[in-house]
Amino acid sequence: MQHRRPRLSKKRKTLLASAVALAAAAGVTVAQAGETDKECTAFDTITLGKYYVNNNLWNEGKYTGTQCVWANSRSGSTISWGTDYSLANSSTGKDYDVKSYASTVLGWHWGWKVDKATTGLPIRVGDRKKVTATWDFSLPSSPGTMNVSYDLWLHAKNTADWQDQPTDEIMIWLNRQGGAGPLGTKYGSVSLGGAMWDIYQGDIGWNVYSFVRRANATSATLDLDDFTQALVRRKLLSNDKYVSGIESGTEVFKGTGRLDTKSYSVNIG
């Protein structure tokens, strides 16, 4: 099964930038808010310190249904948040279409960026900075067709703005359900962070590399630098690229379910 990400039009990028900027200007920081304070409009955001939670219903026209996000707490760089969804194919949607990616965002994202002093991003791949990512989450027994994954955005420069298309995207799938599969074709495999991962390679106007964990997990502590260097060693990625943004969340192909993030943090350096 394949999924694709659209190249956002200038209009849509501007709308997304405006939505995120309004949330940031309002200083929407939630502590112990919980599931009762849901944000259910596409691209609604909740600021949590250096991160924001994005109700990213990006593949409009391909789905029917609803998706919401909420924030539970923040303590330093550790946050807790959740999302629930009930999404089906529209008349033009297909089972292999990713419909949404409710996620936390750190750093660059389509339509928005946060300065390095706040996020620690961008970082040059060749500088070998440790990027410790810790995630503990839960899923229902039947969450539909979906994955739980990190999504790293890379650029050729360290000053990427909203109009700068990425050169590379790296996805790290910790969990997949309902037959969800990555873009592209299998390139090889690698052992990282105490687990085996299959590497997939695809192209949607930029390179997309997916590391798919062979055995599903609901918690992990990873050094994301290990994954960029695995691509460097295979001559798939240049040390001169910059990691501009780091996301985490669930890509939903179809179905009804939820993702509860009990604790999540990304610390750089």
C-alpha atoms as a PDB file:
ATOM      1  CA  MET A   1       0.000   0.000   0.000  1.00  0.00           C
ATOM      2  CA  GLN A   2       1.305   3.427  -0.874  1.00  0.00           C
ATOM      3  CA  HIS A   3       0.699   6.862   0.511  1.00  0.00           C
ATOM      4  CA  ARG A   4       1.452  10.261  -0.909  1.00  0.00           C
ATOM      5  CA  ARG A   5       1.816  13.761   0.434  1.00  0.00           C
ATOM      6  CA  PRO A   6       0.589  16.696  -1.661  1.00  0.00           C
ATOM      7  CA  ARG A   7       2.663  19.659  -2.633  1.00  0.00           C
ATOM      8  CA  LEU A   8       0.660  22.348  -0.903  1.00  0.00           C
ATOM      9  CA  SER A   9      -0.433  25.279  -3.019  1.00  0.00           C
ATOM     10  CA  LYS A  10       0.617  28.764  -1.974  1.00  0.00           C
ATOM     11  CA  LYS A  11      -2.977  29.432  -0.915  1.00  0.00           C
ATOM     12  CA  ARG A  12      -3.118  26.388   1.309  1.00  0.00           C
ATOM     13  CA  LYS A  13       0.314  27.065   2.778  1.00  0.00           C
ATOM     14  CA  THR A  14      -0.799  30.606   3.582  1.00  0.00           C
ATOM     15  CA  LEU A  15      -3.986  29.361   5.246  1.00  0.00           C
ATOM     16  CA  LEU A  16      -2.019  26.862   7.307  1.00  0.00           C
ATOM     17  CA  ALA A  17       0.531  29.493   8.276  1.00  0.00           C
ATOM     18  CA  SER A  18      -2.251  31.816   9.377  1.00  0.00           C
ATOM     19  CA  ALA A  19      -3.902  29.144  11.505  1.00  0.00           C
ATOM     20  CA  VAL A  20      -0.668  28.250  13.255  1.00  0.00           C
ATOM     21  CA  ALA A  21       0.377  31.864  13.681  1.00  0.00           C
ATOM     22  CA  LEU A  22      -2.947  32.714  15.308  1.00  0.00           C
ATOM     23  CA  ALA A  23      -2.554  29.852  17.758  1.00  0.00           C
ATOM     24  CA  ALA A  24       0.992  30.931  18.573  1.00  0.00           C
ATOM     25  CA  ALA A  25      -0.045  34.565  18.985  1.00  0.00           C
ATOM     26  CA  ALA A  26      -2.788  33.512  21.354  1.00  0.00           C
ATOM     27  CA  GLY A  27      -0.252  31.593  23.430  1.00  0.00           C
ATOM     28  CA  VAL A  28      -2.459  28.527  23.669  1.00  0.00           C
ATOM     29  CA  THR A  29      -0.556  26.449  26.212  1.00  0.00           C
ATOM     30  CA  VAL A  30      -2.581  23.709  27.824  1.00  0.00           C
ATOM     31  CA  ALA A  31      -1.866  22.049  31.155  1.00  0.00           C
ATOM     32  CA  GLN A  32      -4.157  19.280  32.378  1.00  0.00           C
ATOM     33  CA  ALA A  33      -6.728  20.279  29.743  1.00  0.00           C
ATOM     34  CA  GLY A  34      -7.657  16.793  28.721  1.00  0.00           C
ATOM     35  CA  GLU A  35      -9.916  15.227  26.173  1.00  0.00           C
ATOM     36  CA  THR A  36     -12.844  17.528  26.930  1.00  0.00           C
ATOM     37  CA  ASP A  37     -10.986  20.455  25.301  1.00  0.00           C
ATOM     38  CA  LYS A  38     -10.776  19.029  21.791  1.00  0.00           C
ATOM     39  CA  GLU A  39      -9.776  20.897  18.660  1.00  0.00           C
ATOM     40  CA  CYS A  40     -11.642  19.352  15.735  1.00  0.00           C
ATOM     41  CA  THR A  41     -11.260  21.785  12.830  1.00  0.00           C
ATOM     42  CA  ALA A  42      -8.643  20.983  10.187  1.00  0.00           C
ATOM     43  CA  PHE A  43      -5.267  22.492  11.133  1.00  0.00           C
ATOM     44  CA  ASP A  44      -6.396  23.577  14.597  1.00  0.00           C
ATOM     45  CA  THR A  45      -3.307  23.793  16.809  1.00  0.00           C
ATOM     46  CA  ILE A  46      -2.437  23.721  20.506  1.00  0.00           C
ATOM     47  CA  THR A  47       0.893  25.122  21.674  1.00  0.00           C
ATOM     48  CA  LEU A  48       2.811  23.064  24.236  1.00  0.00           C
ATOM     49  CA  GLY A  49       6.110  24.794  24.987  1.00  0.00           C
ATOM     50  CA  LYS A  50       8.489  24.260  22.061  1.00  0.00           C
ATOM     51  CA  TYR A  51       6.015  21.944  20.298  1.00  0.00           C
ATOM     52  CA  TYR A  52       2.567  22.396  18.875  1.00  0.00           C
ATOM     53  CA  VAL A  53      -0.116  19.763  18.277  1.00  0.00           C
ATOM     54  CA  ASN A  54      -1.588  20.001  14.783  1.00  0.00           C
ATOM     55  CA  ASN A  55      -4.928  18.525  13.722  1.00  0.00           C
ATOM     56  CA  ASN A  56      -3.440  17.875  10.310  1.00  0.00           C
ATOM     57  CA  LEU A  57      -6.298  16.763   8.046  1.00  0.00           C
ATOM     58  CA  TRP A  58      -4.186  17.430   4.984  1.00  0.00           C
ATOM     59  CA  ASN A  59      -5.703  15.187   2.326  1.00  0.00           C
ATOM     60  CA  GLU A  60      -8.990  17.041   1.979  1.00  0.00           C
ATOM     61  CA  GLY A  61     -11.316  15.668  -0.646  1.00  0.00           C
ATOM     62  CA  LYS A  62     -10.139  12.100  -0.024  1.00  0.00           C
ATOM     63  CA  TYR A  63     -12.032  11.432   3.207  1.00  0.00           C
ATOM     64  CA  THR A  64     -15.299  11.844   5.028  1.00  0.00           C
ATOM     65  CA  GLY A  65     -15.546  11.950   8.809  1.00  0.00           C
ATOM     66  CA  THR A  66     -13.908  13.717  11.725  1.00  0.00           C
ATOM     67  CA  GLN A  67     -10.653  13.956  13.609  1.00  0.00           C
ATOM     68  CA  CYS A  68      -9.811  15.819  16.827  1.00  0.00           C
ATOM     69  CA  VAL A  69      -6.734  16.521  18.929  1.00  0.00           C
ATOM     70  CA  TRP A  70      -6.259  17.538  22.555  1.00  0.00           C
ATOM     71  CA  ALA A  71      -3.410  18.251  24.954  1.00  0.00           C
ATOM     72  CA  ASN A  72      -3.121  16.807  28.441  1.00  0.00           C
ATOM     73  CA  SER A  73       0.015  18.227  30.059  1.00  0.00           C
ATOM     74  CA  ARG A  74       3.532  19.589  29.702  1.00  0.00           C
ATOM     75  CA  SER A  75       6.452  19.291  32.106  1.00  0.00           C
ATOM     76  CA  GLY A  76       9.663  20.781  30.706  1.00  0.00           C
ATOM     77  CA  SER A  77      10.246  19.168  27.307  1.00  0.00           C
ATOM     78  CA  THR A  78       7.886  16.247  27.992  1.00  0.00           C
ATOM     79  CA  ILE A  79       4.291  16.458  26.798  1.00  0.00           C
ATOM     80  CA  SER A  80       1.153  14.329  26.758  1.00  0.00           C
ATOM     81  CA  TRP A  81      -1.537  14.596  24.090  1.00  0.00           C
ATOM     82  CA  GLY A  82      -4.070  12.589  22.099  1.00  0.00           C
ATOM     83  CA  THR A  83      -6.144  12.296  18.964  1.00  0.00           C
ATOM     84  CA  ASP A  84      -9.234  10.389  17.893  1.00  0.00           C
ATOM     85  CA  TYR A  85     -10.592   9.898  14.407  1.00  0.00           C
ATOM     86  CA  SER A  86     -13.302   8.294  12.329  1.00  0.00           C
ATOM     87  CA  LEU A  87     -12.347   8.606   8.672  1.00  0.00           C
ATOM     88  CA  ALA A  88     -13.635   6.815   5.576  1.00  0.00           C
ATOM     89  CA  ASN A  89     -12.906   7.069   1.871  1.00  0.00           C
ATOM     90  CA  SER A  90     -14.766   9.781   0.001  1.00  0.00           C
ATOM     91  CA  SER A  91     -16.008   9.111  -3.526  1.00  0.00           C
ATOM     92  CA  THR A  92     -12.486   9.902  -4.777  1.00  0.00           C
ATOM     93  CA  GLY A  93     -10.547   8.423  -1.851  1.00  0.00           C
ATOM     94  CA  LYS A  94      -8.727   5.107  -1.997  1.00  0.00           C
ATOM     95  CA  ASP A  95      -7.640   2.671   0.697  1.00  0.00           C
ATOM     96  CA  TYR A  96      -3.978   3.540   0.014  1.00  0.00           C
ATOM     97  CA  ASP A  97      -4.519   7.301   0.482  1.00  0.00           C
ATOM     98  CA  VAL A  98      -3.261   8.669   3.786  1.00  0.00           C
ATOM     99  CA  LYS A  99      -6.042  10.952   4.971  1.00  0.00           C
ATOM    100  CA  SER A 100      -4.468  12.733   7.922  1.00  0.00           C
ATOM    101  CA  TYR A 101      -1.469  13.041  10.212  1.00  0.00           C
ATOM    102  CA  ALA A 102      -2.479  14.392  13.624  1.00  0.00           C
ATOM    103  CA  SER A 103       0.908  15.130  15.114  1.00  0.00           C
ATOM    104  CA  THR A 104       3.189  17.140  17.323  1.00  0.00           C
ATOM    105  CA  VAL A 105       5.524  19.485  15.456  1.00  0.00           C
ATOM    106  CA  LEU A 106       8.991  20.642  16.456  1.00  0.00           C
ATOM    107  CA  GLY A 107      10.624  23.164  14.124  1.00  0.00           C
ATOM    108  CA  TRP A 108       9.845  23.574  10.423  1.00  0.00           C
ATOM    109  CA  HIS A 109       6.565  22.474   8.930  1.00  0.00           C
ATOM    110  CA  TRP A 110       4.609  23.454   5.837  1.00  0.00           C
ATOM    111  CA  GLY A 111       3.528  27.017   6.474  1.00  0.00           C
ATOM    112  CA  TRP A 112       5.358  27.506   9.769  1.00  0.00           C
ATOM    113  CA  LYS A 113       8.779  27.489  11.380  1.00  0.00           C
ATOM    114  CA  VAL A 114      10.063  28.162  14.881  1.00  0.00           C
ATOM    115  CA  ASP A 115      13.448  29.722  15.603  1.00  0.00           C
ATOM    116  CA  LYS A 116      16.486  27.625  16.526  1.00  0.00           C
ATOM    117  CA  ALA A 117      16.771  29.131  20.008  1.00  0.00           C
ATOM    118  CA  THR A 118      13.435  27.536  20.887  1.00  0.00           C
ATOM    119  CA  THR A 119      13.634  24.202  19.076  1.00  0.00           C
ATOM    120  CA  GLY A 120      17.328  23.456  18.508  1.00  0.00           C
ATOM    121  CA  LEU A 121      16.540  23.000  14.792  1.00  0.00           C
ATOM    122  CA  PRO A 122      17.767  22.965  12.106  1.00  0.00           C
ATOM    123  CA  ILE A 123      20.824  20.766  12.618  1.00  0.00           C
ATOM    124  CA  ARG A 124      23.323  19.673   9.984  1.00  0.00           C
ATOM    125  CA  VAL A 125      23.286  15.909   9.474  1.00  0.00           C
ATOM    126  CA  GLY A 126      27.087  15.715   9.398  1.00  0.00           C
ATOM    127  CA  ASP A 127      27.449  17.451  12.753  1.00  0.00           C
ATOM    128  CA  ARG A 128      26.263  14.226  14.400  1.00  0.00           C
ATOM    129  CA  LYS A 129      24.238  15.833  17.149  1.00  0.00           C
ATOM    130  CA  LYS A 130      22.398  13.369  19.341  1.00  0.00           C
ATOM    131  CA  VAL A 131      18.622  13.656  18.963  1.00  0.00           C
ATOM    132  CA  THR A 132      16.997  11.713  21.783  1.00  0.00           C
ATOM    133  CA  ALA A 133      13.347  10.952  21.073  1.00  0.00           C
ATOM    134  CA  THR A 134      11.241   9.226  23.726  1.00  0.00           C
ATOM    135  CA  TRP A 135       7.644   8.181  23.105  1.00  0.00           C
ATOM    136  CA  ASP A 136       5.181   6.130  25.124  1.00  0.00           C
ATOM    137  CA  PHE A 137       1.686   5.702  23.644  1.00  0.00           C
ATOM    138  CA  SER A 138      -1.330   3.421  23.541  1.00  0.00           C
ATOM    139  CA  LEU A 139      -3.745   2.280  20.825  1.00  0.00           C
ATOM    140  CA  PRO A 140      -7.109   0.497  20.933  1.00  0.00           C
ATOM    141  CA  SER A 141      -7.266  -3.129  19.819  1.00  0.00           C
ATOM    142  CA  SER A 142      -8.725  -2.191  16.399  1.00  0.00           C
ATOM    143  CA  PRO A 143      -7.559   1.310  15.389  1.00  0.00           C
ATOM    144  CA  GLY A 144      -8.257   0.947  11.677  1.00  0.00           C
ATOM    145  CA  THR A 145      -5.617   1.204   8.967  1.00  0.00           C
ATOM    146  CA  MET A 146      -2.933   3.524  10.313  1.00  0.00           C
ATOM    147  CA  ASN A 147       0.596   3.901  11.565  1.00  0.00           C
ATOM    148  CA  VAL A 148       2.343   5.630  14.448  1.00  0.00           C
ATOM    149  CA  SER A 149       5.448   7.337  13.170  1.00  0.00           C
ATOM    150  CA  TYR A 150       8.047  10.071  13.343  1.00  0.00           C
ATOM    151  CA  ASP A 151       8.401  12.320  10.305  1.00  0.00           C
ATOM    152  CA  LEU A 152      11.667  14.214   9.732  1.00  0.00           C
ATOM    153  CA  TRP A 153      11.907  17.032   7.171  1.00  0.00           C
ATOM    154  CA  LEU A 154      15.256  17.907   5.584  1.00  0.00           C
ATOM    155  CA  HIS A 155      16.461  20.823   3.461  1.00  0.00           C
ATOM    156  CA  ALA A 156      19.631  21.749   1.609  1.00  0.00           C
ATOM    157  CA  LYS A 157      20.006  24.935   3.684  1.00  0.00           C
ATOM    158  CA  ASN A 158      19.600  25.967   7.312  1.00  0.00           C
ATOM    159  CA  THR A 159      17.272  28.871   6.553  1.00  0.00           C
ATOM    160  CA  ALA A 160      14.275  26.989   5.123  1.00  0.00           C
ATOM    161  CA  ASP A 161      11.054  29.006   5.132  1.00  0.00           C
ATOM    162  CA  TRP A 162       7.472  28.018   4.316  1.00  0.00           C
ATOM    163  CA  GLN A 163       7.960  28.194   0.545  1.00  0.00           C
ATOM    164  CA  ASP A 164      11.059  25.925   0.551  1.00  0.00           C
ATOM    165  CA  GLN A 165      10.223  22.407  -0.547  1.00  0.00           C
ATOM    166  CA  PRO A 166      12.135  19.718   1.372  1.00  0.00           C
ATOM    167  CA  THR A 167      14.781  17.662  -0.369  1.00  0.00           C
ATOM    168  CA  ASP A 168      14.243  14.604   1.823  1.00  0.00           C
ATOM    169  CA  GLU A 169      11.683  13.173   4.223  1.00  0.00           C
ATOM    170  CA  ILE A 170      12.432  10.380   6.703  1.00  0.00           C
ATOM    171  CA  MET A 171       9.623   8.440   8.339  1.00  0.00           C
ATOM    172  CA  ILE A 172      10.183   6.082  11.268  1.00  0.00           C
ATOM    173  CA  TRP A 173       7.247   3.721  11.777  1.00  0.00           C
ATOM    174  CA  LEU A 174       7.012   2.356  15.313  1.00  0.00           C
ATOM    175  CA  ASN A 175       3.650   0.689  14.812  1.00  0.00           C
ATOM    176  CA  ARG A 176       1.339  -0.121  11.921  1.00  0.00           C
ATOM    177  CA  GLN A 177      -2.125  -1.586  11.856  1.00  0.00           C
ATOM    178  CA  GLY A 178      -4.739  -2.800   9.379  1.00  0.00           C
ATOM    179  CA  GLY A 179      -2.311  -3.498   6.533  1.00  0.00           C
ATOM    180  CA  ALA A 180      -0.819   0.010   6.337  1.00  0.00           C
ATOM    181  CA  GLY A 181       2.305   0.151   4.200  1.00  0.00           C
ATOM    182  CA  PRO A 182       4.915   2.776   3.281  1.00  0.00           C
ATOM    183  CA  LEU A 183       5.566   4.629   0.056  1.00  0.00           C
ATOM    184  CA  GLY A 184       7.940   3.151  -2.485  1.00  0.00           C
ATOM    185  CA  THR A 185       9.868  -0.114  -2.612  1.00  0.00           C
ATOM    186  CA  LYS A 186      11.960  -1.995  -0.091  1.00  0.00           C
ATOM    187  CA  TYR A 187      15.622  -1.025  -0.229  1.00  0.00           C
ATOM    188  CA  GLY A 188      17.103  -3.103   2.587  1.00  0.00           C
ATOM    189  CA  SER A 189      17.075  -3.536   6.341  1.00  0.00           C
ATOM    190  CA  VAL A 190      19.036  -2.364   9.361  1.00  0.00           C
ATOM    191  CA  SER A 191      19.324  -2.986  13.108  1.00  0.00           C
ATOM    192  CA  LEU A 192      18.937   0.220  15.131  1.00  0.00           C
ATOM    193  CA  GLY A 193      17.906   0.971  18.695  1.00  0.00           C
ATOM    194  CA  GLY A 194      17.591  -2.702  19.581  1.00  0.00           C
ATOM    195  CA  ALA A 195      15.147  -3.506  16.756  1.00  0.00           C
ATOM    196  CA  MET A 196      15.115  -4.544  13.101  1.00  0.00           C
ATOM    197  CA  TRP A 197      13.781  -2.078  10.544  1.00  0.00           C
ATOM    198  CA  ASP A 198      12.958  -2.464   6.852  1.00  0.00           C
ATOM    199  CA  ILE A 199      13.991   0.548   4.752  1.00  0.00           C
ATOM    200  CA  TYR A 200      11.728   1.747   1.932  1.00  0.00           C
ATOM    201  CA  GLN A 201      12.619   4.311  -0.712  1.00  0.00           C
ATOM    202  CA  GLY A 202      10.165   6.461  -2.665  1.00  0.00           C
ATOM    203  CA  ASP A 203       9.872   9.800  -4.438  1.00  0.00           C
ATOM    204  CA  ILE A 204       7.021  12.335  -4.463  1.00  0.00           C
ATOM    205  CA  GLY A 205       8.972  15.337  -5.736  1.00  0.00           C
ATOM    206  CA  TRP A 206      11.451  14.816  -2.883  1.00  0.00           C
ATOM    207  CA  ASN A 207      13.050  11.653  -1.527  1.00  0.00           C
ATOM    208  CA  VAL A 208      11.018   9.716   1.039  1.00  0.00           C
ATOM    209  CA  TYR A 209      12.753   7.103   3.191  1.00  0.00           C
ATOM    210  CA  SER A 210      10.695   4.977   5.580  1.00  0.00           C
ATOM    211  CA  PHE A 211      12.083   2.837   8.390  1.00  0.00           C
ATOM    212  CA  VAL A 212       9.372   0.298   9.270  1.00  0.00           C
ATOM    213  CA  ARG A 213       9.848  -1.575  12.547  1.00  0.00           C
ATOM    214  CA  ARG A 214       9.354  -5.290  11.986  1.00  0.00           C
ATOM    215  CA  ALA A 215       7.769  -5.809  15.409  1.00  0.00           C
ATOM    216  CA  ASN A 216       5.221  -3.253  16.575  1.00  0.00           C
ATOM    217  CA  ALA A 217       6.109  -1.191  19.641  1.00  0.00           C
ATOM    218  CA  THR A 218       4.149   1.184  21.863  1.00  0.00           C
ATOM    219  CA  SER A 219       7.185   2.780  23.482  1.00  0.00           C
ATOM    220  CA  ALA A 220      10.664   3.630  22.288  1.00  0.00           C
ATOM    221  CA  THR A 221      13.708   5.729  23.086  1.00  0.00           C
ATOM    222  CA  LEU A 222      15.716   6.390  19.930  1.00  0.00           C
ATOM    223  CA  ASP A 223      18.597   8.557  18.772  1.00  0.00           C
ATOM    224  CA  LEU A 224      17.218   9.903  15.509  1.00  0.00           C
ATOM    225  CA  ASP A 225      20.773  10.624  14.355  1.00  0.00           C
ATOM    226  CA  ASP A 226      21.184   6.844  13.991  1.00  0.00           C
ATOM    227  CA  PHE A 227      18.547   6.850  11.265  1.00  0.00           C
ATOM    228  CA  THR A 228      19.984   9.745   9.256  1.00  0.00           C
ATOM    229  CA  GLN A 229      23.433   8.155   9.465  1.00  0.00           C
ATOM    230  CA  ALA A 230      22.060   4.814   8.290  1.00  0.00           C
ATOM    231  CA  LEU A 231      21.049   6.620   5.087  1.00  0.00           C
ATOM    232  CA  VAL A 232      24.397   8.448   4.867  1.00  0.00           C
ATOM    233  CA  ARG A 233      26.274   5.125   5.060  1.00  0.00           C
ATOM    234  CA  ARG A 234      24.172   3.840   2.159  1.00  0.00           C
ATOM    235  CA  LYS A 235      24.891   7.017   0.167  1.00  0.00           C
ATOM    236  CA  LEU A 236      21.187   7.875   0.109  1.00  0.00           C
ATOM    237  CA  LEU A 237      21.563  11.073   2.137  1.00  0.00           C
ATOM    238  CA  SER A 238      24.221  13.772   2.229  1.00  0.00           C
ATOM    239  CA  ASN A 239      25.888  14.979   5.431  1.00  0.00           C
ATOM    240  CA  ASP A 240      25.347  18.519   4.129  1.00  0.00           C
ATOM    241  CA  LYS A 241      21.555  18.291   4.522  1.00  0.00           C
ATOM    242  CA  TYR A 242      19.758  19.899   7.475  1.00  0.00           C
ATOM    243  CA  VAL A 243      17.059  18.365   9.651  1.00  0.00           C
ATOM    244  CA  SER A 244      14.581  21.255   9.806  1.00  0.00           C
ATOM    245  CA  GLY A 245      11.537  19.670  11.445  1.00  0.00           C
ATOM    246  CA  ILE A 246      10.582  16.655  13.548  1.00  0.00           C
ATOM    247  CA  GLU A 247       6.974  15.475  13.849  1.00  0.00           C
ATOM    248  CA  SER A 248       5.294  12.548  15.543  1.00  0.00           C
ATOM    249  CA  GLY A 249       1.779  11.235  15.219  1.00  0.00           C
ATOM    250  CA  THR A 250      -0.538   8.880  13.391  1.00  0.00           C
ATOM    251  CA  GLU A 251      -1.143   8.614   9.678  1.00  0.00           C
ATOM    252  CA  VAL A 252      -4.705   7.410   9.162  1.00  0.00           C
ATOM    253  CA  PHE A 253      -5.647   5.621   5.955  1.00  0.00           C
ATOM    254  CA  LYS A 254      -9.171   4.760   7.142  1.00  0.00           C
ATOM    255  CA  GLY A 255     -11.068   3.588  10.185  1.00  0.00           C
ATOM    256  CA  THR A 256     -12.061   4.617  13.675  1.00  0.00           C
ATOM    257  CA  GLY A 257      -9.614   4.768  16.547  1.00  0.00           C
ATOM    258  CA  ARG A 258      -7.396   6.931  18.693  1.00  0.00           C
ATOM    259  CA  LEU A 259      -3.804   7.494  19.747  1.00  0.00           C
ATOM    260  CA  ASP A 260      -3.027   8.419  23.352  1.00  0.00           C
ATOM    261  CA  THR A 261       0.484   9.744  23.893  1.00  0.00           C
ATOM    262  CA  LYS A 262       1.303   9.213  27.553  1.00  0.00           C
ATOM    263  CA  SER A 263       4.685  10.946  27.294  1.00  0.00           C
ATOM    264  CA  TYR A 264       6.746  12.358  24.440  1.00  0.00           C
ATOM    265  CA  SER A 265       9.942  14.377  24.207  1.00  0.00           C
ATOM    266  CA  VAL A 266      12.669  15.309  21.728  1.00  0.00           C
ATOM    267  CA  ASN A 267      15.951  16.683  23.076  1.00  0.00           C
ATOM    268  CA  ILE A 268      18.767  17.804  20.791  1.00  0.00           C
ATOM    269  CA  GLY A 269      22.449  17.881  21.657  1.00  0.00           C
END
